[in-house]
């Protein structure tokens, strides 16, 4: 569902508000304070929140890829060659 563009900077909200262990939304990566105060923030503050959200998303993807990589290396069979 697209947002109607009333504002200069659109909210990154994806209409699924569920937080992770650190308190960030799992979909848009904003903190509780960032979500609740979005409409009160200046455009500069909103741009900073968006920058932080992108950084958090990259960090999350990096962690997930690292976990997947370590799982795949643990699951792959070890071949032993003896002569």
PDB file of N, CA and C in Angstrom:
ATOM      1  N   UNK A   1       0.839  -1.173   0.000  1.00  0.00           N
ATOM      2  CA  UNK A   1       0.000   0.000   0.000  1.00  0.00           C
ATOM      3  C   UNK A   1       0.889   1.243   0.000  1.00  0.00           C
ATOM      4  N   UNK A   2       0.702   2.108  -0.945  1.00  0.00           N
ATOM      5  CA  UNK A   2       1.499   3.321  -1.035  1.00  0.00           C
ATOM      6  C   UNK A   2       0.910   4.402  -0.148  1.00  0.00           C
ATOM      7  N   UNK A   3       1.803   5.245   0.349  1.00  0.00           N
ATOM      8  CA  UNK A   3       1.380   6.374   1.156  1.00  0.00           C
ATOM      9  C   UNK A   3       1.041   7.542   0.244  1.00  0.00           C
ATOM     10  N   UNK A   4       0.067   8.323   0.659  1.00  0.00           N
ATOM     11  CA  UNK A   4      -0.236   9.552  -0.055  1.00  0.00           C
ATOM     12  C   UNK A   4       0.866  10.544   0.297  1.00  0.00           C
ATOM     13  N   UNK A   5       1.365  11.235  -0.675  1.00  0.00           N
ATOM     14  CA  UNK A   5       2.513  12.106  -0.453  1.00  0.00           C
ATOM     15  C   UNK A   5       2.082  13.501  -0.016  1.00  0.00           C
ATOM     16  N   UNK A   6       1.787  13.639   1.293  1.00  0.00           N
ATOM     17  CA  UNK A   6       1.478  14.940   1.861  1.00  0.00           C
ATOM     18  C   UNK A   6       2.731  15.642   2.362  1.00  0.00           C
ATOM     19  N   UNK A   7       3.753  14.867   2.640  1.00  0.00           N
ATOM     20  CA  UNK A   7       4.937  15.390   3.293  1.00  0.00           C
ATOM     21  C   UNK A   7       6.133  15.369   2.355  1.00  0.00           C
ATOM     22  N   UNK A   8       7.100  16.253   2.637  1.00  0.00           N
ATOM     23  CA  UNK A   8       8.322  16.302   1.836  1.00  0.00           C
ATOM     24  C   UNK A   8       9.091  14.992   1.928  1.00  0.00           C
ATOM     25  N   UNK A   9       9.173  14.458   3.131  1.00  0.00           N
ATOM     26  CA  UNK A   9       9.912  13.211   3.358  1.00  0.00           C
ATOM     27  C   UNK A   9       8.930  12.169   3.880  1.00  0.00           C
ATOM     28  N   UNK A  10       8.747  11.118   3.108  1.00  0.00           N
ATOM     29  CA  UNK A  10       7.802  10.068   3.487  1.00  0.00           C
ATOM     30  C   UNK A  10       8.325   9.245   4.646  1.00  0.00           C
ATOM     31  N   UNK A  11       7.422   8.770   5.449  1.00  0.00           N
ATOM     32  CA  UNK A  11       7.758   7.868   6.536  1.00  0.00           C
ATOM     33  C   UNK A  11       8.198   6.524   5.944  1.00  0.00           C
ATOM     34  N   UNK A  12       9.192   5.882   6.562  1.00  0.00           N
ATOM     35  CA  UNK A  12       9.624   4.570   6.081  1.00  0.00           C
ATOM     36  C   UNK A  12       8.723   3.429   6.558  1.00  0.00           C
ATOM     37  N   UNK A  13       7.639   3.767   7.243  1.00  0.00           N
ATOM     38  CA  UNK A  13       6.735   2.762   7.807  1.00  0.00           C
ATOM     39  C   UNK A  13       6.228   1.816   6.714  1.00  0.00           C
ATOM     40  N   UNK A  14       6.185   0.519   7.066  1.00  0.00           N
ATOM     41  CA  UNK A  14       5.697  -0.494   6.122  1.00  0.00           C
ATOM     42  C   UNK A  14       4.442  -1.179   6.642  1.00  0.00           C
ATOM     43  N   UNK A  15       3.830  -0.569   7.627  1.00  0.00           N
ATOM     44  CA  UNK A  15       2.549  -1.015   8.194  1.00  0.00           C
ATOM     45  C   UNK A  15       2.631  -2.349   8.945  1.00  0.00           C
ATOM     46  N   UNK A  16       3.820  -2.728   9.384  1.00  0.00           N
ATOM     47  CA  UNK A  16       3.989  -3.916  10.209  1.00  0.00           C
ATOM     48  C   UNK A  16       4.849  -3.492  11.396  1.00  0.00           C
ATOM     49  N   UNK A  17       4.220  -3.175  12.492  1.00  0.00           N
ATOM     50  CA  UNK A  17       4.949  -2.675  13.662  1.00  0.00           C
ATOM     51  C   UNK A  17       5.217  -3.811  14.639  1.00  0.00           C
ATOM     52  N   UNK A  18       6.414  -4.336  14.546  1.00  0.00           N
ATOM     53  CA  UNK A  18       6.858  -5.392  15.448  1.00  0.00           C
ATOM     54  C   UNK A  18       8.318  -5.102  15.757  1.00  0.00           C
ATOM     55  N   UNK A  19       8.665  -5.098  17.035  1.00  0.00           N
ATOM     56  CA  UNK A  19      10.022  -4.727  17.404  1.00  0.00           C
ATOM     57  C   UNK A  19      10.896  -5.943  17.677  1.00  0.00           C
ATOM     58  N   UNK A  20      12.189  -5.731  17.463  1.00  0.00           N
ATOM     59  CA  UNK A  20      13.166  -6.772  17.756  1.00  0.00           C
ATOM     60  C   UNK A  20      13.659  -6.612  19.198  1.00  0.00           C
ATOM     61  N   UNK A  21      14.649  -7.400  19.584  1.00  0.00           N
ATOM     62  CA  UNK A  21      15.165  -7.372  20.956  1.00  0.00           C
ATOM     63  C   UNK A  21      15.772  -6.020  21.322  1.00  0.00           C
ATOM     64  N   UNK A  22      16.280  -5.304  20.342  1.00  0.00           N
ATOM     65  CA  UNK A  22      16.901  -4.004  20.597  1.00  0.00           C
ATOM     66  C   UNK A  22      15.881  -2.868  20.619  1.00  0.00           C
ATOM     67  N   UNK A  23      14.631  -3.155  20.287  1.00  0.00           N
ATOM     68  CA  UNK A  23      13.584  -2.140  20.306  1.00  0.00           C
ATOM     69  C   UNK A  23      13.352  -1.438  18.986  1.00  0.00           C
ATOM     70  N   UNK A  24      13.969  -1.937  17.920  1.00  0.00           N
ATOM     71  CA  UNK A  24      13.772  -1.343  16.596  1.00  0.00           C
ATOM     72  C   UNK A  24      12.686  -2.111  15.848  1.00  0.00           C
ATOM     73  N   UNK A  25      11.925  -1.389  15.049  1.00  0.00           N
ATOM     74  CA  UNK A  25      10.905  -2.028  14.226  1.00  0.00           C
ATOM     75  C   UNK A  25      11.590  -2.988  13.260  1.00  0.00           C
ATOM     76  N   UNK A  26      11.035  -4.178  13.120  1.00  0.00           N
ATOM     77  CA  UNK A  26      11.629  -5.196  12.245  1.00  0.00           C
ATOM     78  C   UNK A  26      11.487  -4.849  10.762  1.00  0.00           C
ATOM     79  N   UNK A  27      10.577  -3.956  10.417  1.00  0.00           N
ATOM     80  CA  UNK A  27      10.357  -3.637   9.015  1.00  0.00           C
ATOM     81  C   UNK A  27      11.015  -2.323   8.577  1.00  0.00           C
ATOM     82  N   UNK A  28      10.917  -1.280   9.419  1.00  0.00           N
ATOM     83  CA  UNK A  28      11.467   0.016   8.995  1.00  0.00           C
ATOM     84  C   UNK A  28      12.733   0.390   9.761  1.00  0.00           C
ATOM     85  N   UNK A  29      13.057  -0.351  10.818  1.00  0.00           N
ATOM     86  CA  UNK A  29      14.284  -0.175  11.603  1.00  0.00           C
ATOM     87  C   UNK A  29      14.327   1.122  12.413  1.00  0.00           C
ATOM     88  N   UNK A  30      13.149   1.696  12.699  1.00  0.00           N
ATOM     89  CA  UNK A  30      13.120   2.882  13.560  1.00  0.00           C
ATOM     90  C   UNK A  30      12.937   2.473  15.017  1.00  0.00           C
ATOM     91  N   UNK A  31      13.463   3.317  15.897  1.00  0.00           N
ATOM     92  CA  UNK A  31      13.252   3.110  17.327  1.00  0.00           C
ATOM     93  C   UNK A  31      11.839   3.574  17.694  1.00  0.00           C
ATOM     94  N   UNK A  32      11.426   3.259  18.897  1.00  0.00           N
ATOM     95  CA  UNK A  32      10.101   3.676  19.371  1.00  0.00           C
ATOM     96  C   UNK A  32       9.992   5.201  19.306  1.00  0.00           C
ATOM     97  N   UNK A  33      10.989   5.884  19.811  1.00  0.00           N
ATOM     98  CA  UNK A  33      10.993   7.348  19.803  1.00  0.00           C
ATOM     99  C   UNK A  33      10.918   7.893  18.375  1.00  0.00           C
ATOM    100  N   UNK A  34      11.658   7.284  17.471  1.00  0.00           N
ATOM    101  CA  UNK A  34      11.650   7.736  16.082  1.00  0.00           C
ATOM    102  C   UNK A  34      10.290   7.518  15.431  1.00  0.00           C
ATOM    103  N   UNK A  35       9.632   6.426  15.764  1.00  0.00           N
ATOM    104  CA  UNK A  35       8.295   6.160  15.207  1.00  0.00           C
ATOM    105  C   UNK A  35       7.264   7.133  15.765  1.00  0.00           C
ATOM    106  N   UNK A  36       7.266   7.302  17.083  1.00  0.00           N
ATOM    107  CA  UNK A  36       6.238   8.125  17.718  1.00  0.00           C
ATOM    108  C   UNK A  36       6.390   9.617  17.427  1.00  0.00           C
ATOM    109  N   UNK A  37       7.606  10.063  17.174  1.00  0.00           N
ATOM    110  CA  UNK A  37       7.844  11.497  16.973  1.00  0.00           C
ATOM    111  C   UNK A  37       8.079  11.891  15.522  1.00  0.00           C
ATOM    112  N   UNK A  38       7.874  10.972  14.607  1.00  0.00           N
ATOM    113  CA  UNK A  38       8.160  11.236  13.193  1.00  0.00           C
ATOM    114  C   UNK A  38       7.502  12.529  12.700  1.00  0.00           C
ATOM    115  N   UNK A  39       6.253  12.735  13.010  1.00  0.00           N
ATOM    116  CA  UNK A  39       5.532  13.909  12.506  1.00  0.00           C
ATOM    117  C   UNK A  39       6.028  15.207  13.127  1.00  0.00           C
ATOM    118  N   UNK A  40       6.681  15.126  14.277  1.00  0.00           N
ATOM    119  CA  UNK A  40       7.208  16.318  14.944  1.00  0.00           C
ATOM    120  C   UNK A  40       8.629  16.653  14.519  1.00  0.00           C
ATOM    121  N   UNK A  41       9.299  15.730  13.840  1.00  0.00           N
ATOM    122  CA  UNK A  41      10.682  15.947  13.442  1.00  0.00           C
ATOM    123  C   UNK A  41      10.767  16.929  12.272  1.00  0.00           C
ATOM    124  N   UNK A  42      11.858  17.684  12.241  1.00  0.00           N
ATOM    125  CA  UNK A  42      12.144  18.544  11.088  1.00  0.00           C
ATOM    126  C   UNK A  42      12.603  17.640   9.942  1.00  0.00           C
ATOM    127  N   UNK A  43      12.662  18.179   8.740  1.00  0.00           N
ATOM    128  CA  UNK A  43      13.129  17.392   7.596  1.00  0.00           C
ATOM    129  C   UNK A  43      14.564  16.909   7.806  1.00  0.00           C
ATOM    130  N   UNK A  44      15.390  17.734   8.441  1.00  0.00           N
ATOM    131  CA  UNK A  44      16.769  17.342   8.739  1.00  0.00           C
ATOM    132  C   UNK A  44      16.792  16.156   9.692  1.00  0.00           C
ATOM    133  N   UNK A  45      15.959  16.200  10.705  1.00  0.00           N
ATOM    134  CA  UNK A  45      15.883  15.084  11.654  1.00  0.00           C
ATOM    135  C   UNK A  45      15.360  13.826  10.967  1.00  0.00           C
ATOM    136  N   UNK A  46      14.381  13.967  10.103  1.00  0.00           N
ATOM    137  CA  UNK A  46      13.844  12.815   9.375  1.00  0.00           C
ATOM    138  C   UNK A  46      14.912  12.191   8.480  1.00  0.00           C
ATOM    139  N   UNK A  47      15.695  13.028   7.824  1.00  0.00           N
ATOM    140  CA  UNK A  47      16.770  12.511   6.974  1.00  0.00           C
ATOM    141  C   UNK A  47      17.795  11.746   7.801  1.00  0.00           C
ATOM    142  N   UNK A  48      18.074  12.228   9.007  1.00  0.00           N
ATOM    143  CA  UNK A  48      19.007  11.536   9.888  1.00  0.00           C
ATOM    144  C   UNK A  48      18.432  10.191  10.337  1.00  0.00           C
ATOM    145  N   UNK A  49      17.149  10.153  10.640  1.00  0.00           N
ATOM    146  CA  UNK A  49      16.497   8.898  11.015  1.00  0.00           C
ATOM    147  C   UNK A  49      16.572   7.913   9.851  1.00  0.00           C
ATOM    148  N   UNK A  50      16.316   8.374   8.640  1.00  0.00           N
ATOM    149  CA  UNK A  50      16.383   7.500   7.468  1.00  0.00           C
ATOM    150  C   UNK A  50      17.799   6.957   7.269  1.00  0.00           C
ATOM    151  N   UNK A  51      18.782   7.808   7.495  1.00  0.00           N
ATOM    152  CA  UNK A  51      20.187   7.360   7.385  1.00  0.00           C
ATOM    153  C   UNK A  51      20.473   6.270   8.419  1.00  0.00           C
ATOM    154  N   UNK A  52      20.012   6.491   9.644  1.00  0.00           N
ATOM    155  CA  UNK A  52      20.212   5.494  10.698  1.00  0.00           C
ATOM    156  C   UNK A  52      19.490   4.189  10.376  1.00  0.00           C
ATOM    157  N   UNK A  53      18.295   4.292   9.812  1.00  0.00           N
ATOM    158  CA  UNK A  53      17.529   3.097   9.448  1.00  0.00           C
ATOM    159  C   UNK A  53      18.267   2.279   8.390  1.00  0.00           C
ATOM    160  N   UNK A  54      18.836   2.948   7.395  1.00  0.00           N
ATOM    161  CA  UNK A  54      19.602   2.247   6.359  1.00  0.00           C
ATOM    162  C   UNK A  54      20.811   1.555   6.965  1.00  0.00           C
ATOM    163  N   UNK A  55      21.464   2.239   7.891  1.00  0.00           N
ATOM    164  CA  UNK A  55      22.626   1.662   8.571  1.00  0.00           C
ATOM    165  C   UNK A  55      22.222   0.430   9.384  1.00  0.00           C
ATOM    166  N   UNK A  56      21.109   0.523  10.085  1.00  0.00           N
ATOM    167  CA  UNK A  56      20.618  -0.617  10.881  1.00  0.00           C
ATOM    168  C   UNK A  56      20.238  -1.786   9.987  1.00  0.00           C
ATOM    169  N   UNK A  57      19.613  -1.500   8.844  1.00  0.00           N
ATOM    170  CA  UNK A  57      19.217  -2.558   7.909  1.00  0.00           C
ATOM    171  C   UNK A  57      20.446  -3.267   7.353  1.00  0.00           C
ATOM    172  N   UNK A  58      21.481  -2.501   6.991  1.00  0.00           N
ATOM    173  CA  UNK A  58      22.712  -3.107   6.485  1.00  0.00           C
ATOM    174  C   UNK A  58      23.361  -3.982   7.543  1.00  0.00           C
ATOM    175  N   UNK A  59      23.391  -3.496   8.781  1.00  0.00           N
ATOM    176  CA  UNK A  59      23.980  -4.260   9.868  1.00  0.00           C
ATOM    177  C   UNK A  59      23.211  -5.569  10.083  1.00  0.00           C
ATOM    178  N   UNK A  60      21.885  -5.500  10.028  1.00  0.00           N
ATOM    179  CA  UNK A  60      21.047  -6.685  10.209  1.00  0.00           C
ATOM    180  C   UNK A  60      21.304  -7.699   9.092  1.00  0.00           C
ATOM    181  N   UNK A  61      21.368  -7.221   7.845  1.00  0.00           N
ATOM    182  CA  UNK A  61      21.645  -8.126   6.718  1.00  0.00           C
ATOM    183  C   UNK A  61      23.018  -8.766   6.861  1.00  0.00           C
ATOM    184  N   UNK A  62      23.983  -7.984   7.285  1.00  0.00           N
ATOM    185  CA  UNK A  62      25.339  -8.496   7.468  1.00  0.00           C
ATOM    186  C   UNK A  62      25.369  -9.597   8.529  1.00  0.00           C
ATOM    187  N   UNK A  63      24.671  -9.377   9.619  1.00  0.00           N
ATOM    188  CA  UNK A  63      24.614 -10.382  10.691  1.00  0.00           C
ATOM    189  C   UNK A  63      23.939 -11.647  10.185  1.00  0.00           C
ATOM    190  N   UNK A  64      22.826 -11.494   9.469  1.00  0.00           N
ATOM    191  CA  UNK A  64      22.107 -12.663   8.940  1.00  0.00           C
ATOM    192  C   UNK A  64      22.969 -13.451   7.956  1.00  0.00           C
ATOM    193  N   UNK A  65      23.671 -12.740   7.071  1.00  0.00           N
ATOM    194  CA  UNK A  65      24.547 -13.424   6.112  1.00  0.00           C
ATOM    195  C   UNK A  65      25.681 -14.152   6.825  1.00  0.00           C
ATOM    196  N   UNK A  66      26.220 -13.533   7.845  1.00  0.00           N
ATOM    197  CA  UNK A  66      27.285 -14.148   8.623  1.00  0.00           C
ATOM    198  C   UNK A  66      26.787 -15.416   9.317  1.00  0.00           C
ATOM    199  N   UNK A  67      25.592 -15.349   9.869  1.00  0.00           N
ATOM    200  CA  UNK A  67      25.007 -16.520  10.534  1.00  0.00           C
ATOM    201  C   UNK A  67      24.737 -17.633   9.531  1.00  0.00           C
ATOM    202  N   UNK A  68      24.219 -17.285   8.360  1.00  0.00           N
ATOM    203  CA  UNK A  68      23.956 -18.286   7.333  1.00  0.00           C
ATOM    204  C   UNK A  68      25.252 -18.932   6.863  1.00  0.00           C
ATOM    205  N   UNK A  69      26.283 -18.126   6.719  1.00  0.00           N
ATOM    206  CA  UNK A  69      27.576 -18.644   6.281  1.00  0.00           C
ATOM    207  C   UNK A  69      28.150 -19.616   7.319  1.00  0.00           C
ATOM    208  N   UNK A  70      28.077 -19.239   8.583  1.00  0.00           N
ATOM    209  CA  UNK A  70      28.624 -20.122   9.622  1.00  0.00           C
ATOM    210  C   UNK A  70      27.815 -21.409   9.733  1.00  0.00           C
ATOM    211  N   UNK A  71      26.497 -21.328   9.524  1.00  0.00           N
ATOM    212  CA  UNK A  71      25.672 -22.539   9.552  1.00  0.00           C
ATOM    213  C   UNK A  71      26.004 -23.447   8.382  1.00  0.00           C
ATOM    214  N   UNK A  72      26.209 -22.882   7.215  1.00  0.00           N
ATOM    215  CA  UNK A  72      26.488 -23.708   6.045  1.00  0.00           C
ATOM    216  C   UNK A  72      27.860 -24.363   6.149  1.00  0.00           C
ATOM    217  N   UNK A  73      28.824 -23.696   6.756  1.00  0.00           N
ATOM    218  CA  UNK A  73      30.139 -24.319   6.910  1.00  0.00           C
ATOM    219  C   UNK A  73      30.121 -25.399   7.976  1.00  0.00           C
ATOM    220  N   UNK A  74      29.250 -25.264   8.963  1.00  0.00           N
ATOM    221  CA  UNK A  74      29.132 -26.291   9.992  1.00  0.00           C
ATOM    222  C   UNK A  74      28.416 -27.523   9.463  1.00  0.00           C
ATOM    223  N   UNK A  75      27.475 -27.314   8.541  1.00  0.00           N
ATOM    224  CA  UNK A  75      26.684 -28.419   8.013  1.00  0.00           C
ATOM    225  C   UNK A  75      27.378 -29.171   6.884  1.00  0.00           C
ATOM    226  N   UNK A  76      28.367 -28.573   6.242  1.00  0.00           N
ATOM    227  CA  UNK A  76      29.010 -29.244   5.113  1.00  0.00           C
ATOM    228  C   UNK A  76      29.892 -30.381   5.637  1.00  0.00           C
ATOM    229  N   UNK A  77      29.842 -31.520   4.965  1.00  0.00           N
ATOM    230  CA  UNK A  77      30.619 -32.682   5.435  1.00  0.00           C
ATOM    231  C   UNK A  77      32.108 -32.449   5.293  1.00  0.00           C
ATOM    232  N   UNK A  78      32.841 -32.950   6.250  1.00  0.00           N
ATOM    233  CA  UNK A  78      34.291 -32.844   6.234  1.00  0.00           C
ATOM    234  C   UNK A  78      34.838 -34.089   5.526  1.00  0.00           C
ATOM    235  N   UNK A  79      35.649 -33.889   4.523  1.00  0.00           N
ATOM    236  CA  UNK A  79      36.232 -35.001   3.767  1.00  0.00           C
ATOM    237  C   UNK A  79      37.641 -35.189   4.267  1.00  0.00           C
ATOM    238  N   UNK A  80      37.921 -36.402   4.645  1.00  0.00           N
ATOM    239  CA  UNK A  80      39.252 -36.728   5.143  1.00  0.00           C
ATOM    240  C   UNK A  80      39.938 -37.638   4.153  1.00  0.00           C
ATOM    241  N   UNK A  81      41.094 -37.236   3.736  1.00  0.00           N
ATOM    242  CA  UNK A  81      41.849 -38.039   2.799  1.00  0.00           C
ATOM    243  C   UNK A  81      43.040 -38.645   3.542  1.00  0.00           C
ATOM    244  N   UNK A  82      43.111 -39.932   3.548  1.00  0.00           N
ATOM    245  CA  UNK A  82      44.265 -40.605   4.152  1.00  0.00           C
ATOM    246  C   UNK A  82      44.958 -41.419   3.087  1.00  0.00           C
ATOM    247  N   UNK A  83      46.231 -41.376   3.127  1.00  0.00           N
ATOM    248  CA  UNK A  83      47.022 -42.133   2.150  1.00  0.00           C
ATOM    249  C   UNK A  83      47.598 -43.356   2.781  1.00  0.00           C
TER     250      UNK A  83
END
